[in-house]
Amino acid sequence: MADLLIRGLDDEVVQRLKKRAKLAGRSLQSETKSILERAAGRSLDESLKVAARWRRKLGPRTTDSVELLREDRQR
């Protein structure tokens, strides 16, 4: 695992991070690591795989939203 050093953080930011960590019952390091991991998100390949799984679960489309909107406007 790599280490990361962030210089020049505003004191207010550090205080808010400490507050978040305390509320979550974690250390400042653990909370900051969690925030960075979430912010980095998934890679494009991982996201495409997740989307493909959802498409398989949901099955083919049975309605056309354009047609539904058209019908609703005609009423």
PDB file of N, CA and C in Angstrom:
ATOM      1  N   MET A   1       0.834  -1.181   0.000  1.00  0.00           N
ATOM      2  CA  MET A   1       0.000   0.000   0.000  1.00  0.00           C
ATOM      3  C   MET A   1       0.878   1.243   0.000  1.00  0.00           C
ATOM      4  N   ALA A   2       0.365   2.273  -0.641  1.00  0.00           N
ATOM      5  CA  ALA A   2       1.111   3.529  -0.737  1.00  0.00           C
ATOM      6  C   ALA A   2       0.727   4.475   0.398  1.00  0.00           C
ATOM      7  N   ASP A   3       1.623   5.397   0.668  1.00  0.00           N
ATOM      8  CA  ASP A   3       1.359   6.464   1.638  1.00  0.00           C
ATOM      9  C   ASP A   3       1.138   7.751   0.863  1.00  0.00           C
ATOM     10  N   LEU A   4       0.364   8.650   1.437  1.00  0.00           N
ATOM     11  CA  LEU A   4       0.050   9.921   0.793  1.00  0.00           C
ATOM     12  C   LEU A   4       0.190  11.031   1.815  1.00  0.00           C
ATOM     13  N   LEU A   5       0.923  12.076   1.450  1.00  0.00           N
ATOM     14  CA  LEU A   5       1.103  13.233   2.320  1.00  0.00           C
ATOM     15  C   LEU A   5       0.424  14.421   1.653  1.00  0.00           C
ATOM     16  N   ILE A   6      -0.469  15.079   2.361  1.00  0.00           N
ATOM     17  CA  ILE A   6      -1.168  16.246   1.822  1.00  0.00           C
ATOM     18  C   ILE A   6      -0.723  17.451   2.628  1.00  0.00           C
ATOM     19  N   ARG A   7      -0.111  18.386   1.943  1.00  0.00           N
ATOM     20  CA  ARG A   7       0.409  19.590   2.606  1.00  0.00           C
ATOM     21  C   ARG A   7      -0.549  20.752   2.416  1.00  0.00           C
ATOM     22  N   GLY A   8      -0.540  21.659   3.364  1.00  0.00           N
ATOM     23  CA  GLY A   8      -1.240  22.919   3.215  1.00  0.00           C
ATOM     24  C   GLY A   8      -2.750  22.864   3.353  1.00  0.00           C
ATOM     25  N   LEU A   9      -3.267  21.874   4.061  1.00  0.00           N
ATOM     26  CA  LEU A   9      -4.711  21.845   4.307  1.00  0.00           C
ATOM     27  C   LEU A   9      -5.097  22.962   5.254  1.00  0.00           C
ATOM     28  N   ASP A  10      -6.184  23.592   4.955  1.00  0.00           N
ATOM     29  CA  ASP A  10      -6.704  24.651   5.815  1.00  0.00           C
ATOM     30  C   ASP A  10      -7.065  24.057   7.176  1.00  0.00           C
ATOM     31  N   ASP A  11      -6.783  24.780   8.246  1.00  0.00           N
ATOM     32  CA  ASP A  11      -7.091  24.296   9.592  1.00  0.00           C
ATOM     33  C   ASP A  11      -8.575  23.971   9.756  1.00  0.00           C
ATOM     34  N   GLU A  12      -9.421  24.751   9.114  1.00  0.00           N
ATOM     35  CA  GLU A  12     -10.869  24.519   9.194  1.00  0.00           C
ATOM     36  C   GLU A  12     -11.233  23.163   8.581  1.00  0.00           C
ATOM     37  N   VAL A  13     -10.589  22.819   7.477  1.00  0.00           N
ATOM     38  CA  VAL A  13     -10.842  21.524   6.826  1.00  0.00           C
ATOM     39  C   VAL A  13     -10.432  20.391   7.757  1.00  0.00           C
ATOM     40  N   VAL A  14      -9.281  20.529   8.380  1.00  0.00           N
ATOM     41  CA  VAL A  14      -8.796  19.495   9.305  1.00  0.00           C
ATOM     42  C   VAL A  14      -9.762  19.338  10.477  1.00  0.00           C
ATOM     43  N   GLN A  15     -10.263  20.441  10.998  1.00  0.00           N
ATOM     44  CA  GLN A  15     -11.221  20.373  12.108  1.00  0.00           C
ATOM     45  C   GLN A  15     -12.507  19.669  11.690  1.00  0.00           C
ATOM     46  N   ARG A  16     -12.988  19.969  10.480  1.00  0.00           N
ATOM     47  CA  ARG A  16     -14.208  19.299  10.002  1.00  0.00           C
ATOM     48  C   ARG A  16     -13.975  17.810   9.810  1.00  0.00           C
ATOM     49  N   LEU A  17     -12.794  17.446   9.304  1.00  0.00           N
ATOM     50  CA  LEU A  17     -12.468  16.026   9.143  1.00  0.00           C
ATOM     51  C   LEU A  17     -12.397  15.323  10.497  1.00  0.00           C
ATOM     52  N   LYS A  18     -11.799  15.987  11.477  1.00  0.00           N
ATOM     53  CA  LYS A  18     -11.728  15.407  12.818  1.00  0.00           C
ATOM     54  C   LYS A  18     -13.124  15.205  13.399  1.00  0.00           C
ATOM     55  N   LYS A  19     -14.005  16.173  13.171  1.00  0.00           N
ATOM     56  CA  LYS A  19     -15.374  16.069  13.673  1.00  0.00           C
ATOM     57  C   LYS A  19     -16.097  14.899  13.007  1.00  0.00           C
ATOM     58  N   ARG A  20     -15.947  14.779  11.683  1.00  0.00           N
ATOM     59  CA  ARG A  20     -16.565  13.655  10.960  1.00  0.00           C
ATOM     60  C   ARG A  20     -16.050  12.318  11.485  1.00  0.00           C
ATOM     61  N   ALA A  21     -14.733  12.249  11.704  1.00  0.00           N
ATOM     62  CA  ALA A  21     -14.126  11.012  12.195  1.00  0.00           C
ATOM     63  C   ALA A  21     -14.684  10.648  13.564  1.00  0.00           C
ATOM     64  N   LYS A  22     -14.798  11.629  14.426  1.00  0.00           N
ATOM     65  CA  LYS A  22     -15.316  11.370  15.776  1.00  0.00           C
ATOM     66  C   LYS A  22     -16.761  10.879  15.723  1.00  0.00           C
ATOM     67  N   LEU A  23     -17.573  11.526  14.883  1.00  0.00           N
ATOM     68  CA  LEU A  23     -18.973  11.113  14.754  1.00  0.00           C
ATOM     69  C   LEU A  23     -19.102   9.701  14.195  1.00  0.00           C
ATOM     70  N   ALA A  24     -18.153   9.319  13.341  1.00  0.00           N
ATOM     71  CA  ALA A  24     -18.175   7.978  12.745  1.00  0.00           C
ATOM     72  C   ALA A  24     -17.482   6.950  13.627  1.00  0.00           C
ATOM     73  N   GLY A  25     -16.862   7.411  14.728  1.00  0.00           N
ATOM     74  CA  GLY A  25     -16.161   6.484  15.620  1.00  0.00           C
ATOM     75  C   GLY A  25     -14.875   5.955  15.018  1.00  0.00           C
ATOM     76  N   ARG A  26     -14.230   6.777  14.183  1.00  0.00           N
ATOM     77  CA  ARG A  26     -12.988   6.363  13.530  1.00  0.00           C
ATOM     78  C   ARG A  26     -11.885   7.368  13.822  1.00  0.00           C
ATOM     79  N   SER A  27     -10.679   6.943  13.477  1.00  0.00           N
ATOM     80  CA  SER A  27      -9.541   7.860  13.579  1.00  0.00           C
ATOM     81  C   SER A  27      -9.586   8.828  12.396  1.00  0.00           C
ATOM     82  N   LEU A  28      -8.864   9.914  12.520  1.00  0.00           N
ATOM     83  CA  LEU A  28      -8.781  10.885  11.424  1.00  0.00           C
ATOM     84  C   LEU A  28      -8.237  10.208  10.168  1.00  0.00           C
ATOM     85  N   GLN A  29      -7.225   9.378  10.321  1.00  0.00           N
ATOM     86  CA  GLN A  29      -6.631   8.680   9.180  1.00  0.00           C
ATOM     87  C   GLN A  29      -7.645   7.753   8.521  1.00  0.00           C
ATOM     88  N   SER A  30      -8.373   6.995   9.320  1.00  0.00           N
ATOM     89  CA  SER A  30      -9.363   6.067   8.788  1.00  0.00           C
ATOM     90  C   SER A  30     -10.482   6.802   8.055  1.00  0.00           C
ATOM     91  N   GLU A  31     -10.940   7.893   8.618  1.00  0.00           N
ATOM     92  CA  GLU A  31     -12.013   8.668   8.000  1.00  0.00           C
ATOM     93  C   GLU A  31     -11.547   9.284   6.680  1.00  0.00           C
ATOM     94  N   THR A  32     -10.350   9.842   6.683  1.00  0.00           N
ATOM     95  CA  THR A  32      -9.807  10.454   5.476  1.00  0.00           C
ATOM     96  C   THR A  32      -9.602   9.409   4.385  1.00  0.00           C
ATOM     97  N   LYS A  33      -9.122   8.245   4.768  1.00  0.00           N
ATOM     98  CA  LYS A  33      -8.928   7.154   3.810  1.00  0.00           C
ATOM     99  C   LYS A  33     -10.267   6.746   3.201  1.00  0.00           C
ATOM    100  N   SER A  34     -11.283   6.634   4.011  1.00  0.00           N
ATOM    101  CA  SER A  34     -12.614   6.269   3.530  1.00  0.00           C
ATOM    102  C   SER A  34     -13.153   7.303   2.542  1.00  0.00           C
ATOM    103  N   ILE A  35     -12.974   8.575   2.863  1.00  0.00           N
ATOM    104  CA  ILE A  35     -13.439   9.652   1.978  1.00  0.00           C
ATOM    105  C   ILE A  35     -12.721   9.583   0.635  1.00  0.00           C
ATOM    106  N   LEU A  36     -11.421   9.390   0.654  1.00  0.00           N
ATOM    107  CA  LEU A  36     -10.651   9.316  -0.587  1.00  0.00           C
ATOM    108  C   LEU A  36     -11.030   8.100  -1.425  1.00  0.00           C
ATOM    109  N   GLU A  37     -11.250   6.961  -0.771  1.00  0.00           N
ATOM    110  CA  GLU A  37     -11.634   5.755  -1.508  1.00  0.00           C
ATOM    111  C   GLU A  37     -12.979   5.941  -2.197  1.00  0.00           C
ATOM    112  N   ARG A  38     -13.933   6.565  -1.486  1.00  0.00           N
ATOM    113  CA  ARG A  38     -15.241   6.816  -2.097  1.00  0.00           C
ATOM    114  C   ARG A  38     -15.132   7.821  -3.239  1.00  0.00           C
ATOM    115  N   ALA A  39     -14.318   8.846  -3.045  1.00  0.00           N
ATOM    116  CA  ALA A  39     -14.166   9.886  -4.065  1.00  0.00           C
ATOM    117  C   ALA A  39     -13.502   9.334  -5.328  1.00  0.00           C
ATOM    118  N   ALA A  40     -12.602   8.381  -5.156  1.00  0.00           N
ATOM    119  CA  ALA A  40     -11.916   7.802  -6.315  1.00  0.00           C
ATOM    120  C   ALA A  40     -12.873   6.951  -7.141  1.00  0.00           C
ATOM    121  N   GLY A  41     -13.871   6.385  -6.485  1.00  0.00           N
ATOM    122  CA  GLY A  41     -14.888   5.622  -7.183  1.00  0.00           C
ATOM    123  C   GLY A  41     -14.350   4.388  -7.884  1.00  0.00           C
ATOM    124  N   ARG A  42     -15.189   3.865  -8.765  1.00  0.00           N
ATOM    125  CA  ARG A  42     -14.836   2.674  -9.529  1.00  0.00           C
ATOM    126  C   ARG A  42     -14.161   3.084 -10.831  1.00  0.00           C
ATOM    127  N   SER A  43     -13.417   2.145 -11.394  1.00  0.00           N
ATOM    128  CA  SER A  43     -12.855   2.376 -12.715  1.00  0.00           C
ATOM    129  C   SER A  43     -13.983   2.236 -13.737  1.00  0.00           C
ATOM    130  N   LEU A  44     -13.733   2.672 -14.962  1.00  0.00           N
ATOM    131  CA  LEU A  44     -14.739   2.568 -16.016  1.00  0.00           C
ATOM    132  C   LEU A  44     -15.122   1.114 -16.245  1.00  0.00           C
ATOM    133  N   ASP A  45     -14.141   0.223 -16.288  1.00  0.00           N
ATOM    134  CA  ASP A  45     -14.434  -1.205 -16.495  1.00  0.00           C
ATOM    135  C   ASP A  45     -15.323  -1.767 -15.396  1.00  0.00           C
ATOM    136  N   GLU A  46     -15.027  -1.414 -14.140  1.00  0.00           N
ATOM    137  CA  GLU A  46     -15.851  -1.887 -13.022  1.00  0.00           C
ATOM    138  C   GLU A  46     -17.271  -1.347 -13.141  1.00  0.00           C
ATOM    139  N   SER A  47     -17.405  -0.082 -13.494  1.00  0.00           N
ATOM    140  CA  SER A  47     -18.733   0.526 -13.636  1.00  0.00           C
ATOM    141  C   SER A  47     -19.526  -0.136 -14.748  1.00  0.00           C
ATOM    142  N   LEU A  48     -18.877  -0.442 -15.857  1.00  0.00           N
ATOM    143  CA  LEU A  48     -19.559  -1.108 -16.978  1.00  0.00           C
ATOM    144  C   LEU A  48     -20.021  -2.513 -16.591  1.00  0.00           C
ATOM    145  N   LYS A  49     -19.210  -3.207 -15.807  1.00  0.00           N
ATOM    146  CA  LYS A  49     -19.599  -4.544 -15.352  1.00  0.00           C
ATOM    147  C   LYS A  49     -20.818  -4.480 -14.436  1.00  0.00           C
ATOM    148  N   VAL A  50     -20.835  -3.513 -13.527  1.00  0.00           N
ATOM    149  CA  VAL A  50     -21.978  -3.343 -12.625  1.00  0.00           C
ATOM    150  C   VAL A  50     -23.227  -3.008 -13.438  1.00  0.00           C
ATOM    151  N   ALA A  51     -23.099  -2.106 -14.399  1.00  0.00           N
ATOM    152  CA  ALA A  51     -24.240  -1.726 -15.242  1.00  0.00           C
ATOM    153  C   ALA A  51     -24.763  -2.928 -16.032  1.00  0.00           C
ATOM    154  N   ALA A  52     -23.859  -3.747 -16.536  1.00  0.00           N
ATOM    155  CA  ALA A  52     -24.273  -4.935 -17.293  1.00  0.00           C
ATOM    156  C   ALA A  52     -25.033  -5.919 -16.400  1.00  0.00           C
ATOM    157  N   ARG A  53     -24.578  -6.083 -15.155  1.00  0.00           N
ATOM    158  CA  ARG A  53     -25.292  -6.977 -14.228  1.00  0.00           C
ATOM    159  C   ARG A  53     -26.706  -6.461 -13.977  1.00  0.00           C
ATOM    160  N   TRP A  54     -26.852  -5.138 -13.799  1.00  0.00           N
ATOM    161  CA  TRP A  54     -28.183  -4.578 -13.568  1.00  0.00           C
ATOM    162  C   TRP A  54     -29.073  -4.750 -14.797  1.00  0.00           C
ATOM    163  N   ARG A  55     -28.501  -4.563 -15.991  1.00  0.00           N
ATOM    164  CA  ARG A  55     -29.308  -4.754 -17.203  1.00  0.00           C
ATOM    165  C   ARG A  55     -29.800  -6.188 -17.311  1.00  0.00           C
ATOM    166  N   ARG A  56     -28.934  -7.156 -16.956  1.00  0.00           N
ATOM    167  CA  ARG A  56     -29.353  -8.563 -16.984  1.00  0.00           C
ATOM    168  C   ARG A  56     -30.457  -8.821 -15.962  1.00  0.00           C
ATOM    169  N   LYS A  57     -30.304  -8.249 -14.752  1.00  0.00           N
ATOM    170  CA  LYS A  57     -31.317  -8.438 -13.711  1.00  0.00           C
ATOM    171  C   LYS A  57     -32.660  -7.832 -14.104  1.00  0.00           C
ATOM    172  N   LEU A  58     -32.625  -6.648 -14.698  1.00  0.00           N
ATOM    173  CA  LEU A  58     -33.859  -5.934 -15.030  1.00  0.00           C
ATOM    174  C   LEU A  58     -34.534  -6.460 -16.286  1.00  0.00           C
ATOM    175  N   GLY A  59     -33.780  -7.127 -17.153  1.00  0.00           N
ATOM    176  CA  GLY A  59     -34.362  -7.678 -18.369  1.00  0.00           C
ATOM    177  C   GLY A  59     -34.583  -6.606 -19.427  1.00  0.00           C
ATOM    178  N   PRO A  60     -35.180  -7.027 -20.544  1.00  0.00           N
ATOM    179  CA  PRO A  60     -35.386  -6.080 -21.636  1.00  0.00           C
ATOM    180  C   PRO A  60     -36.459  -5.048 -21.295  1.00  0.00           C
ATOM    181  N   ARG A  61     -36.363  -3.914 -21.956  1.00  0.00           N
ATOM    182  CA  ARG A  61     -37.366  -2.869 -21.764  1.00  0.00           C
ATOM    183  C   ARG A  61     -38.690  -3.329 -22.365  1.00  0.00           C
ATOM    184  N   THR A  62     -39.749  -3.077 -21.638  1.00  0.00           N
ATOM    185  CA  THR A  62     -41.065  -3.468 -22.142  1.00  0.00           C
ATOM    186  C   THR A  62     -41.902  -2.256 -22.513  1.00  0.00           C
ATOM    187  N   THR A  63     -41.439  -1.066 -22.140  1.00  0.00           N
ATOM    188  CA  THR A  63     -42.172   0.153 -22.478  1.00  0.00           C
ATOM    189  C   THR A  63     -41.209   1.187 -23.030  1.00  0.00           C
ATOM    190  N   ASP A  64     -41.752   2.083 -23.831  1.00  0.00           N
ATOM    191  CA  ASP A  64     -40.976   3.173 -24.399  1.00  0.00           C
ATOM    192  C   ASP A  64     -41.406   4.453 -23.704  1.00  0.00           C
ATOM    193  N   SER A  65     -40.480   5.095 -23.007  1.00  0.00           N
ATOM    194  CA  SER A  65     -40.851   6.280 -22.237  1.00  0.00           C
ATOM    195  C   SER A  65     -41.344   7.411 -23.129  1.00  0.00           C
ATOM    196  N   VAL A  66     -40.838   7.508 -24.347  1.00  0.00           N
ATOM    197  CA  VAL A  66     -41.306   8.552 -25.270  1.00  0.00           C
ATOM    198  C   VAL A  66     -42.777   8.333 -25.592  1.00  0.00           C
ATOM    199  N   GLU A  67     -43.123   7.100 -25.834  1.00  0.00           N
ATOM    200  CA  GLU A  67     -44.523   6.778 -26.145  1.00  0.00           C
ATOM    201  C   GLU A  67     -45.420   7.059 -24.938  1.00  0.00           C
ATOM    202  N   LEU A  68     -44.962   6.726 -23.743  1.00  0.00           N
ATOM    203  CA  LEU A  68     -45.754   6.995 -22.541  1.00  0.00           C
ATOM    204  C   LEU A  68     -45.972   8.493 -22.349  1.00  0.00           C
ATOM    205  N   LEU A  69     -44.937   9.300 -22.584  1.00  0.00           N
ATOM    206  CA  LEU A  69     -45.080  10.747 -22.472  1.00  0.00           C
ATOM    207  C   LEU A  69     -46.073  11.286 -23.506  1.00  0.00           C
ATOM    208  N   ARG A  70     -45.974  10.773 -24.704  1.00  0.00           N
ATOM    209  CA  ARG A  70     -46.883  11.199 -25.764  1.00  0.00           C
ATOM    210  C   ARG A  70     -48.347  10.895 -25.388  1.00  0.00           C
ATOM    211  N   GLU A  71     -48.565   9.692 -24.890  1.00  0.00           N
ATOM    212  CA  GLU A  71     -49.924   9.314 -24.470  1.00  0.00           C
ATOM    213  C   GLU A  71     -50.426  10.208 -23.345  1.00  0.00           C
ATOM    214  N   ASP A  72     -49.540  10.495 -22.392  1.00  0.00           N
ATOM    215  CA  ASP A  72     -49.928  11.340 -21.255  1.00  0.00           C
ATOM    216  C   ASP A  72     -50.288  12.749 -21.714  1.00  0.00           C
ATOM    217  N   ARG A  73     -49.570  13.284 -22.670  1.00  0.00           N
ATOM    218  CA  ARG A  73     -49.855  14.632 -23.173  1.00  0.00           C
ATOM    219  C   ARG A  73     -51.155  14.679 -23.944  1.00  0.00           C
ATOM    220  N   GLN A  74     -51.503  13.580 -24.576  1.00  0.00           N
ATOM    221  CA  GLN A  74     -52.739  13.560 -25.365  1.00  0.00           C
ATOM    222  C   GLN A  74     -53.974  13.502 -24.479  1.00  0.00           C
ATOM    223  N   ARG A  75     -53.805  13.075 -23.232  1.00  0.00           N
ATOM    224  CA  ARG A  75     -54.960  12.986 -22.326  1.00  0.00           C
ATOM    225  C   ARG A  75     -55.407  14.293 -21.825  1.00  0.00           C
TER     226      ARG A  75
END
